[in-house]
PDB file of N, CA and C in Angstrom:
ATOM      1  N   UNK A   1      -3.705   8.454  10.619  1.00  0.00           N
ATOM      2  CA  UNK A   1      -3.201   8.957  11.869  1.00  0.00           C
ATOM      3  C   UNK A   1      -4.378   9.578  12.633  1.00  0.00           C
ATOM      4  N   UNK A   2      -4.409   9.372  13.912  1.00  0.00           N
ATOM      5  CA  UNK A   2      -5.434   9.974  14.758  1.00  0.00           C
ATOM      6  C   UNK A   2      -5.111  11.454  14.988  1.00  0.00           C
ATOM      7  N   UNK A   3      -6.145  12.248  15.158  1.00  0.00           N
ATOM      8  CA  UNK A   3      -5.985  13.673  15.395  1.00  0.00           C
ATOM      9  C   UNK A   3      -5.118  13.918  16.627  1.00  0.00           C
ATOM     10  N   UNK A   4      -5.280  13.129  17.669  1.00  0.00           N
ATOM     11  CA  UNK A   4      -4.480  13.290  18.889  1.00  0.00           C
ATOM     12  C   UNK A   4      -2.990  13.163  18.600  1.00  0.00           C
ATOM     13  N   UNK A   5      -2.611  12.230  17.741  1.00  0.00           N
ATOM     14  CA  UNK A   5      -1.188  12.054  17.410  1.00  0.00           C
ATOM     15  C   UNK A   5      -0.648  13.284  16.684  1.00  0.00           C
ATOM     16  N   UNK A   6      -1.438  13.847  15.780  1.00  0.00           N
ATOM     17  CA  UNK A   6      -1.031  15.062  15.074  1.00  0.00           C
ATOM     18  C   UNK A   6      -0.852  16.207  16.066  1.00  0.00           C
ATOM     19  N   UNK A   7      -1.770  16.339  16.986  1.00  0.00           N
ATOM     20  CA  UNK A   7      -1.696  17.382  18.005  1.00  0.00           C
ATOM     21  C   UNK A   7      -0.442  17.214  18.860  1.00  0.00           C
ATOM     22  N   UNK A   8      -0.176  15.989  19.274  1.00  0.00           N
ATOM     23  CA  UNK A   8       1.009  15.720  20.096  1.00  0.00           C
ATOM     24  C   UNK A   8       2.296  15.974  19.318  1.00  0.00           C
ATOM     25  N   UNK A   9       2.341  15.516  18.089  1.00  0.00           N
ATOM     26  CA  UNK A   9       3.546  15.648  17.272  1.00  0.00           C
ATOM     27  C   UNK A   9       3.890  17.109  17.003  1.00  0.00           C
ATOM     28  N   UNK A  10       2.871  17.907  16.696  1.00  0.00           N
ATOM     29  CA  UNK A  10       3.087  19.313  16.354  1.00  0.00           C
ATOM     30  C   UNK A  10       2.976  20.245  17.562  1.00  0.00           C
ATOM     31  N   UNK A  11       2.701  19.660  18.739  1.00  0.00           N
ATOM     32  CA  UNK A  11       2.563  20.429  19.981  1.00  0.00           C
ATOM     33  C   UNK A  11       1.514  21.534  19.826  1.00  0.00           C
ATOM     34  N   UNK A  12       0.332  21.120  19.355  1.00  0.00           N
ATOM     35  CA  UNK A  12      -0.771  22.053  19.142  1.00  0.00           C
ATOM     36  C   UNK A  12      -1.620  22.177  20.394  1.00  0.00           C
ATOM     37  N   UNK A  13      -2.341  23.273  20.484  1.00  0.00           N
ATOM     38  CA  UNK A  13      -3.264  23.503  21.603  1.00  0.00           C
ATOM     39  C   UNK A  13      -4.688  23.281  21.114  1.00  0.00           C
ATOM     40  N   UNK A  14      -5.425  22.463  21.827  1.00  0.00           N
ATOM     41  CA  UNK A  14      -6.815  22.176  21.476  1.00  0.00           C
ATOM     42  C   UNK A  14      -7.703  23.228  22.137  1.00  0.00           C
ATOM     43  N   UNK A  15      -8.484  23.928  21.325  1.00  0.00           N
ATOM     44  CA  UNK A  15      -9.389  24.964  21.823  1.00  0.00           C
ATOM     45  C   UNK A  15     -10.819  24.452  21.943  1.00  0.00           C
ATOM     46  N   UNK A  16     -11.188  23.496  21.111  1.00  0.00           N
ATOM     47  CA  UNK A  16     -12.553  22.959  21.115  1.00  0.00           C
ATOM     48  C   UNK A  16     -12.523  21.562  20.507  1.00  0.00           C
ATOM     49  N   UNK A  17     -13.573  20.798  20.770  1.00  0.00           N
ATOM     50  CA  UNK A  17     -13.692  19.484  20.148  1.00  0.00           C
ATOM     51  C   UNK A  17     -12.838  18.404  20.775  1.00  0.00           C
ATOM     52  N   UNK A  18     -12.576  18.517  22.060  1.00  0.00           N
ATOM     53  CA  UNK A  18     -11.732  17.517  22.718  1.00  0.00           C
ATOM     54  C   UNK A  18     -12.330  16.117  22.660  1.00  0.00           C
ATOM     55  N   UNK A  19     -13.616  16.036  22.373  1.00  0.00           N
ATOM     56  CA  UNK A  19     -14.269  14.737  22.242  1.00  0.00           C
ATOM     57  C   UNK A  19     -14.044  14.107  20.870  1.00  0.00           C
ATOM     58  N   UNK A  20     -13.344  14.801  19.982  1.00  0.00           N
ATOM     59  CA  UNK A  20     -13.133  14.318  18.617  1.00  0.00           C
ATOM     60  C   UNK A  20     -11.659  13.979  18.323  1.00  0.00           C
ATOM     61  N   UNK A  21     -10.862  13.831  19.350  1.00  0.00           N
ATOM     62  CA  UNK A  21      -9.426  13.610  19.158  1.00  0.00           C
ATOM     63  C   UNK A  21      -9.094  12.242  18.588  1.00  0.00           C
ATOM     64  N   UNK A  22     -10.062  11.339  18.561  1.00  0.00           N
ATOM     65  CA  UNK A  22      -9.848  10.041  17.932  1.00  0.00           C
ATOM     66  C   UNK A  22     -10.208  10.045  16.452  1.00  0.00           C
ATOM     67  N   UNK A  23     -10.583  11.214  15.927  1.00  0.00           N
ATOM     68  CA  UNK A  23     -10.862  11.295  14.491  1.00  0.00           C
ATOM     69  C   UNK A  23      -9.643  10.880  13.691  1.00  0.00           C
ATOM     70  N   UNK A  24      -9.895  10.171  12.614  1.00  0.00           N
ATOM     71  CA  UNK A  24      -8.825   9.746  11.713  1.00  0.00           C
ATOM     72  C   UNK A  24      -8.522  10.872  10.732  1.00  0.00           C
ATOM     73  N   UNK A  25      -7.256  11.297  10.681  1.00  0.00           N
ATOM     74  CA  UNK A  25      -6.808  12.301   9.715  1.00  0.00           C
ATOM     75  C   UNK A  25      -6.280  11.545   8.504  1.00  0.00           C
ATOM     76  N   UNK A  26      -6.934  11.752   7.372  1.00  0.00           N
ATOM     77  CA  UNK A  26      -6.550  11.020   6.158  1.00  0.00           C
ATOM     78  C   UNK A  26      -5.917  11.915   5.107  1.00  0.00           C
ATOM     79  N   UNK A  27      -5.879  13.202   5.370  1.00  0.00           N
ATOM     80  CA  UNK A  27      -5.294  14.139   4.417  1.00  0.00           C
ATOM     81  C   UNK A  27      -5.314  15.534   4.996  1.00  0.00           C
ATOM     82  N   UNK A  28      -4.952  16.485   4.183  1.00  0.00           N
ATOM     83  CA  UNK A  28      -4.947  17.871   4.618  1.00  0.00           C
ATOM     84  C   UNK A  28      -5.418  18.782   3.507  1.00  0.00           C
ATOM     85  N   UNK A  29      -5.960  19.918   3.897  1.00  0.00           N
ATOM     86  CA  UNK A  29      -6.399  20.903   2.921  1.00  0.00           C
ATOM     87  C   UNK A  29      -6.138  22.284   3.496  1.00  0.00           C
ATOM     88  N   UNK A  30      -5.466  23.135   2.745  1.00  0.00           N
ATOM     89  CA  UNK A  30      -5.148  24.488   3.185  1.00  0.00           C
ATOM     90  C   UNK A  30      -5.836  25.477   2.259  1.00  0.00           C
ATOM     91  N   UNK A  31      -6.685  26.300   2.843  1.00  0.00           N
ATOM     92  CA  UNK A  31      -7.382  27.333   2.078  1.00  0.00           C
ATOM     93  C   UNK A  31      -8.061  28.283   3.034  1.00  0.00           C
ATOM     94  N   UNK A  32      -8.204  29.527   2.608  1.00  0.00           N
ATOM     95  CA  UNK A  32      -8.920  30.523   3.383  1.00  0.00           C
ATOM     96  C   UNK A  32     -10.190  30.967   2.679  1.00  0.00           C
ATOM     97  N   UNK A  33     -10.528  30.293   1.609  1.00  0.00           N
ATOM     98  CA  UNK A  33     -11.766  30.576   0.900  1.00  0.00           C
ATOM     99  C   UNK A  33     -12.769  29.480   1.250  1.00  0.00           C
ATOM    100  N   UNK A  34     -13.797  29.830   2.011  1.00  0.00           N
ATOM    101  CA  UNK A  34     -14.723  28.825   2.526  1.00  0.00           C
ATOM    102  C   UNK A  34     -15.364  28.010   1.409  1.00  0.00           C
ATOM    103  N   UNK A  35     -15.751  28.661   0.321  1.00  0.00           N
ATOM    104  CA  UNK A  35     -16.384  27.934  -0.784  1.00  0.00           C
ATOM    105  C   UNK A  35     -15.413  26.941  -1.414  1.00  0.00           C
ATOM    106  N   UNK A  36     -14.133  27.261  -1.416  1.00  0.00           N
ATOM    107  CA  UNK A  36     -13.117  26.346  -1.939  1.00  0.00           C
ATOM    108  C   UNK A  36     -13.021  25.107  -1.053  1.00  0.00           C
ATOM    109  N   UNK A  37     -13.035  25.306   0.246  1.00  0.00           N
ATOM    110  CA  UNK A  37     -12.964  24.180   1.188  1.00  0.00           C
ATOM    111  C   UNK A  37     -14.208  23.306   1.038  1.00  0.00           C
ATOM    112  N   UNK A  38     -15.368  23.936   0.920  1.00  0.00           N
ATOM    113  CA  UNK A  38     -16.607  23.171   0.756  1.00  0.00           C
ATOM    114  C   UNK A  38     -16.574  22.336  -0.520  1.00  0.00           C
ATOM    115  N   UNK A  39     -16.007  22.886  -1.576  1.00  0.00           N
ATOM    116  CA  UNK A  39     -16.011  22.211  -2.877  1.00  0.00           C
ATOM    117  C   UNK A  39     -14.899  21.184  -3.034  1.00  0.00           C
ATOM    118  N   UNK A  40     -13.783  21.355  -2.331  1.00  0.00           N
ATOM    119  CA  UNK A  40     -12.611  20.542  -2.662  1.00  0.00           C
ATOM    120  C   UNK A  40     -11.990  19.737  -1.530  1.00  0.00           C
ATOM    121  N   UNK A  41     -12.317  20.032  -0.281  1.00  0.00           N
ATOM    122  CA  UNK A  41     -11.744  19.220   0.801  1.00  0.00           C
ATOM    123  C   UNK A  41     -12.436  17.861   0.828  1.00  0.00           C
ATOM    124  N   UNK A  42     -11.777  16.914   1.453  1.00  0.00           N
ATOM    125  CA  UNK A  42     -12.277  15.543   1.517  1.00  0.00           C
ATOM    126  C   UNK A  42     -12.571  15.149   2.957  1.00  0.00           C
ATOM    127  N   UNK A  43     -13.468  14.219   3.127  1.00  0.00           N
ATOM    128  CA  UNK A  43     -13.757  13.668   4.450  1.00  0.00           C
ATOM    129  C   UNK A  43     -12.442  13.221   5.091  1.00  0.00           C
ATOM    130  N   UNK A  44     -12.239  13.598   6.340  1.00  0.00           N
ATOM    131  CA  UNK A  44     -11.038  13.195   7.062  1.00  0.00           C
ATOM    132  C   UNK A  44      -9.867  14.146   6.949  1.00  0.00           C
ATOM    133  N   UNK A  45      -9.985  15.187   6.122  1.00  0.00           N
ATOM    134  CA  UNK A  45      -8.901  16.162   6.006  1.00  0.00           C
ATOM    135  C   UNK A  45      -8.781  16.991   7.281  1.00  0.00           C
ATOM    136  N   UNK A  46      -7.556  17.420   7.569  1.00  0.00           N
ATOM    137  CA  UNK A  46      -7.333  18.469   8.550  1.00  0.00           C
ATOM    138  C   UNK A  46      -7.275  19.760   7.744  1.00  0.00           C
ATOM    139  N   UNK A  47      -8.057  20.748   8.125  1.00  0.00           N
ATOM    140  CA  UNK A  47      -8.152  22.001   7.372  1.00  0.00           C
ATOM    141  C   UNK A  47      -7.246  23.032   8.023  1.00  0.00           C
ATOM    142  N   UNK A  48      -6.372  23.626   7.240  1.00  0.00           N
ATOM    143  CA  UNK A  48      -5.444  24.643   7.712  1.00  0.00           C
ATOM    144  C   UNK A  48      -5.936  25.996   7.208  1.00  0.00           C
ATOM    145  N   UNK A  49      -6.188  26.915   8.143  1.00  0.00           N
ATOM    146  CA  UNK A  49      -6.758  28.214   7.789  1.00  0.00           C
ATOM    147  C   UNK A  49      -6.338  29.275   8.792  1.00  0.00           C
ATOM    148  N   UNK A  50      -6.548  30.538   8.426  1.00  0.00           N
ATOM    149  CA  UNK A  50      -6.350  31.630   9.372  1.00  0.00           C
ATOM    150  C   UNK A  50      -7.675  32.181   9.879  1.00  0.00           C
ATOM    151  N   UNK A  51      -8.786  31.691   9.353  1.00  0.00           N
ATOM    152  CA  UNK A  51     -10.103  32.140   9.808  1.00  0.00           C
ATOM    153  C   UNK A  51     -10.378  31.683  11.235  1.00  0.00           C
ATOM    154  N   UNK A  52     -11.123  32.506  11.970  1.00  0.00           N
ATOM    155  CA  UNK A  52     -11.440  32.178  13.355  1.00  0.00           C
ATOM    156  C   UNK A  52     -12.940  32.267  13.654  1.00  0.00           C
ATOM    157  N   UNK A  53     -13.733  32.689  12.685  1.00  0.00           N
ATOM    158  CA  UNK A  53     -15.171  32.898  12.912  1.00  0.00           C
ATOM    159  C   UNK A  53     -15.938  31.579  12.861  1.00  0.00           C
ATOM    160  N   UNK A  54     -17.169  31.604  13.340  1.00  0.00           N
ATOM    161  CA  UNK A  54     -17.943  30.374  13.524  1.00  0.00           C
ATOM    162  C   UNK A  54     -18.272  29.644  12.227  1.00  0.00           C
ATOM    163  N   UNK A  55     -18.191  30.297  11.089  1.00  0.00           N
ATOM    164  CA  UNK A  55     -18.478  29.619   9.820  1.00  0.00           C
ATOM    165  C   UNK A  55     -17.504  28.482   9.538  1.00  0.00           C
ATOM    166  N   UNK A  56     -16.300  28.529  10.120  1.00  0.00           N
ATOM    167  CA  UNK A  56     -15.354  27.439   9.863  1.00  0.00           C
ATOM    168  C   UNK A  56     -15.850  26.128  10.467  1.00  0.00           C
ATOM    169  N   UNK A  57     -16.533  26.221  11.609  1.00  0.00           N
ATOM    170  CA  UNK A  57     -17.084  25.010  12.230  1.00  0.00           C
ATOM    171  C   UNK A  57     -18.167  24.408  11.343  1.00  0.00           C
ATOM    172  N   UNK A  58     -18.978  25.258  10.739  1.00  0.00           N
ATOM    173  CA  UNK A  58     -20.040  24.773   9.850  1.00  0.00           C
ATOM    174  C   UNK A  58     -19.461  24.101   8.617  1.00  0.00           C
ATOM    175  N   UNK A  59     -18.428  24.691   8.032  1.00  0.00           N
ATOM    176  CA  UNK A  59     -17.798  24.100   6.841  1.00  0.00           C
ATOM    177  C   UNK A  59     -17.141  22.768   7.199  1.00  0.00           C
ATOM    178  N   UNK A  60     -16.472  22.719   8.327  1.00  0.00           N
ATOM    179  CA  UNK A  60     -15.823  21.476   8.753  1.00  0.00           C
ATOM    180  C   UNK A  60     -16.848  20.374   8.983  1.00  0.00           C
ATOM    181  N   UNK A  61     -17.973  20.722   9.577  1.00  0.00           N
ATOM    182  CA  UNK A  61     -19.034  19.737   9.813  1.00  0.00           C
ATOM    183  C   UNK A  61     -19.659  19.287   8.499  1.00  0.00           C
ATOM    184  N   UNK A  62     -19.863  20.224   7.581  1.00  0.00           N
ATOM    185  CA  UNK A  62     -20.467  19.912   6.291  1.00  0.00           C
ATOM    186  C   UNK A  62     -19.669  18.848   5.532  1.00  0.00           C
ATOM    187  N   UNK A  63     -18.354  18.956   5.566  1.00  0.00           N
ATOM    188  CA  UNK A  63     -17.492  18.029   4.823  1.00  0.00           C
ATOM    189  C   UNK A  63     -16.900  16.938   5.703  1.00  0.00           C
ATOM    190  N   UNK A  64     -17.334  16.850   6.948  1.00  0.00           N
ATOM    191  CA  UNK A  64     -16.857  15.839   7.892  1.00  0.00           C
ATOM    192  C   UNK A  64     -15.330  15.823   7.976  1.00  0.00           C
ATOM    193  N   UNK A  65     -14.771  17.017   8.185  1.00  0.00           N
ATOM    194  CA  UNK A  65     -13.322  17.139   8.297  1.00  0.00           C
ATOM    195  C   UNK A  65     -12.862  16.643   9.667  1.00  0.00           C
ATOM    196  N   UNK A  66     -11.628  16.181   9.730  1.00  0.00           N
ATOM    197  CA  UNK A  66     -11.091  15.647  10.980  1.00  0.00           C
ATOM    198  C   UNK A  66     -10.872  16.741  12.011  1.00  0.00           C
ATOM    199  N   UNK A  67     -10.553  17.947  11.556  1.00  0.00           N
ATOM    200  CA  UNK A  67     -10.305  19.050  12.469  1.00  0.00           C
ATOM    201  C   UNK A  67      -9.891  20.283  11.709  1.00  0.00           C
ATOM    202  N   UNK A  68      -9.711  21.356  12.450  1.00  0.00           N
ATOM    203  CA  UNK A  68      -9.296  22.637  11.882  1.00  0.00           C
ATOM    204  C   UNK A  68      -8.032  23.083  12.600  1.00  0.00           C
ATOM    205  N   UNK A  69      -7.018  23.429  11.844  1.00  0.00           N
ATOM    206  CA  UNK A  69      -5.775  23.959  12.384  1.00  0.00           C
ATOM    207  C   UNK A  69      -5.721  25.438  12.028  1.00  0.00           C
ATOM    208  N   UNK A  70      -5.819  26.284  13.047  1.00  0.00           N
ATOM    209  CA  UNK A  70      -5.798  27.730  12.846  1.00  0.00           C
ATOM    210  C   UNK A  70      -4.364  28.215  13.019  1.00  0.00           C
ATOM    211  N   UNK A  71      -3.883  28.954  12.037  1.00  0.00           N
ATOM    212  CA  UNK A  71      -2.477  29.356  12.010  1.00  0.00           C
ATOM    213  C   UNK A  71      -2.248  30.778  12.533  1.00  0.00           C
ATOM    214  N   UNK A  72      -0.986  31.147  12.612  1.00  0.00           N
ATOM    215  CA  UNK A  72      -0.521  32.498  12.959  1.00  0.00           C
ATOM    216  C   UNK A  72      -0.932  32.946  14.356  1.00  0.00           C
ATOM    217  N   UNK A  73      -0.959  32.009  15.296  1.00  0.00           N
ATOM    218  CA  UNK A  73      -1.291  32.314  16.697  1.00  0.00           C
ATOM    219  C   UNK A  73      -2.656  32.982  16.862  1.00  0.00           C
ATOM    220  N   UNK A  74      -3.546  32.744  15.926  1.00  0.00           N
ATOM    221  CA  UNK A  74      -4.893  33.283  16.034  1.00  0.00           C
ATOM    222  C   UNK A  74      -5.715  32.384  16.954  1.00  0.00           C
ATOM    223  N   UNK A  75      -6.672  32.985  17.599  1.00  0.00           N
ATOM    224  CA  UNK A  75      -7.539  32.243  18.526  1.00  0.00           C
ATOM    225  C   UNK A  75      -8.961  32.279  17.980  1.00  0.00           C
ATOM    226  N   UNK A  76      -9.643  31.139  17.982  1.00  0.00           N
ATOM    227  CA  UNK A  76     -11.022  31.139  17.470  1.00  0.00           C
ATOM    228  C   UNK A  76     -11.928  32.041  18.293  1.00  0.00           C
ATOM    229  N   UNK A  77     -12.892  32.665  17.609  1.00  0.00           N
ATOM    230  CA  UNK A  77     -13.893  33.473  18.295  1.00  0.00           C
ATOM    231  C   UNK A  77     -14.595  32.620  19.344  1.00  0.00           C
ATOM    232  N   UNK A  78     -15.101  33.256  20.379  1.00  0.00           N
ATOM    233  CA  UNK A  78     -15.836  32.539  21.425  1.00  0.00           C
ATOM    234  C   UNK A  78     -17.012  31.780  20.836  1.00  0.00           C
ATOM    235  N   UNK A  79     -17.682  32.371  19.854  1.00  0.00           N
ATOM    236  CA  UNK A  79     -18.832  31.698  19.220  1.00  0.00           C
ATOM    237  C   UNK A  79     -18.401  30.472  18.423  1.00  0.00           C
ATOM    238  N   UNK A  80     -17.166  30.463  17.961  1.00  0.00           N
ATOM    239  CA  UNK A  80     -16.637  29.304  17.225  1.00  0.00           C
ATOM    240  C   UNK A  80     -16.362  28.158  18.189  1.00  0.00           C
ATOM    241  N   UNK A  81     -15.818  28.491  19.337  1.00  0.00           N
ATOM    242  CA  UNK A  81     -15.518  27.471  20.350  1.00  0.00           C
ATOM    243  C   UNK A  81     -16.813  26.871  20.853  1.00  0.00           C
TER     244      UNK A  81
END
């Protein structure tokens, strides 16, 4: 499934990375421990987290994740965007 379809289906708001909406989502990973995500997420996963700081972008890039879904109405830090 393309990231755009997931966004449309779940009525999500895109805060950053609008140029990556054609990314293929092949799985999901939920964790708030960055080292856990680095060690166990897979390429193409959508990462579900409550973190908003810029380190999440680095972890997502490191593992070539499809995107990051931030929960609980949290907004990413300006430096993350």
